[in-house]
Protein backbone atom coordinates (compact mmCIF):
# COMPACT_ATOMS: atom_id res chain seq x y z
CA UNK A 1 65.02 27.28 32.75
CA UNK A 2 61.52 26.99 34.82
CA UNK A 3 61.34 23.52 33.46
CA UNK A 4 64.79 22.54 34.72
CA UNK A 5 63.89 24.09 38.25
CA UNK A 6 60.60 22.05 38.19
CA UNK A 7 62.46 18.86 37.40
CA UNK A 8 65.27 19.35 40.18
CA UNK A 9 62.24 20.28 42.66
CA UNK A 10 60.49 16.77 41.51
CA UNK A 11 63.34 14.76 41.70
CA UNK A 12 64.60 16.10 45.12
CA UNK A 13 61.54 15.63 46.62
CA UNK A 14 61.66 11.83 45.75
CA UNK A 15 64.53 10.87 48.30
CA UNK A 16 62.40 10.44 51.62
CA UNK A 17 59.67 13.17 51.27
CA UNK A 18 58.24 12.56 54.54
CA UNK A 19 59.97 13.80 57.55
CA UNK A 20 61.77 11.51 59.65
CA UNK A 21 59.96 10.97 63.16
CA UNK A 22 62.33 9.22 65.48
CA UNK A 23 59.49 8.16 68.00
CA UNK A 24 57.06 6.69 65.06
CA UNK A 25 60.15 5.06 63.29
CA UNK A 26 60.74 3.36 66.43
CA UNK A 27 57.22 2.16 67.27
CA UNK A 28 56.84 0.87 63.57
CA UNK A 29 60.13 -1.13 64.00
CA UNK A 30 58.85 -2.86 66.96
CA UNK A 31 57.39 -5.49 64.68
CA UNK A 32 60.82 -6.33 63.24
CA UNK A 33 62.57 -7.08 66.51
CA UNK A 34 60.94 -10.52 66.95
CA UNK A 35 62.81 -11.84 63.66
CA UNK A 36 65.59 -9.20 63.47
CA UNK A 37 66.50 -8.92 66.97
CA UNK A 38 66.30 -6.00 69.20
CA UNK A 39 67.07 -2.99 67.34
CA UNK A 40 67.62 -5.01 64.48
CA UNK A 41 71.02 -6.68 65.92
CA UNK A 42 69.87 -10.21 64.97
CA UNK A 43 71.80 -13.17 66.40
CA UNK A 44 69.89 -15.69 64.31
CA UNK A 45 70.00 -16.51 60.50
CA UNK A 46 67.58 -13.45 59.93
CA UNK A 47 69.81 -10.42 58.45
CA UNK A 48 71.50 -8.06 60.77
CA UNK A 49 69.82 -4.53 59.93
CA UNK A 50 71.02 -2.09 62.57
CA UNK A 51 72.94 0.50 60.84
CA UNK A 52 72.04 -0.66 57.35
CA UNK A 53 71.59 2.54 55.06
CA UNK A 54 68.50 3.99 55.11
CA UNK A 55 68.16 3.89 51.30
CA UNK A 56 69.31 0.32 50.57
CA UNK A 57 66.95 -0.71 53.32
CA UNK A 58 63.99 1.27 51.96
CA UNK A 59 64.54 -0.27 48.63
CA UNK A 60 64.62 -3.58 49.96
CA UNK A 61 61.49 -3.00 51.76
CA UNK A 62 59.84 -2.05 48.82
CA UNK A 63 60.99 -4.79 46.49
CA UNK A 64 59.31 -7.11 49.29
CA UNK A 65 56.15 -5.23 49.23
CA UNK A 66 56.02 -4.88 45.39
CA UNK A 67 56.98 -8.98 44.77
CA UNK A 68 60.53 -7.93 43.43
CA UNK A 69 62.17 -9.89 46.10
CA UNK A 70 61.02 -13.34 47.57
CA UNK A 71 60.99 -14.14 51.34
CA UNK A 72 59.23 -16.40 53.67
CA UNK A 73 57.69 -13.55 55.87
CA UNK A 74 58.86 -10.35 54.51
CA UNK A 75 56.70 -10.05 51.48
CA UNK A 76 53.50 -10.34 53.69
CA UNK A 77 54.83 -8.40 56.35
CA UNK A 78 55.71 -5.36 54.14
CA UNK A 79 52.00 -5.20 52.82
CA UNK A 80 50.97 -4.18 56.11
CA UNK A 81 52.89 -0.86 55.88
CA UNK A 82 52.65 2.23 53.86
CA UNK A 83 55.59 3.07 51.67
CA UNK A 84 56.00 6.16 54.17
CA UNK A 85 55.73 3.92 57.12
CA UNK A 86 58.45 1.55 55.56
CA UNK A 87 60.70 4.80 54.96
CA UNK A 88 60.34 5.43 58.76
CA UNK A 89 61.36 1.99 59.53
CA UNK A 90 64.31 2.27 57.36
CA UNK A 91 65.23 5.55 58.79
CA UNK A 92 65.14 4.46 62.37
CA UNK A 93 67.47 1.31 61.64
CA UNK A 94 69.87 3.40 59.75
CA UNK A 95 70.56 5.39 63.01
CA UNK A 96 71.54 2.39 65.23
CA UNK A 97 75.22 1.76 65.47
CA UNK A 98 76.26 -1.79 64.25
């Protein structure tokens, strides 16, 4: 029974373990605005990321960072962020209405 509780505690801590800080999330996301538009509402060919699910966006950002997804600027850009910072960015964009 103890092993089950420990396993559940570990699994539940994996999903966005860090506390979301709206101010930090917004500040970190400012570097995204030049390509993805203000608040992620792109009007160009770059993806519209406002309102995207935080888990989906976080996984995409990690894939760029870890070289599992290719792109022109994103792989290099994401390497400048910690995983926790990428989570803050993903959470921030998930709060914006499409």
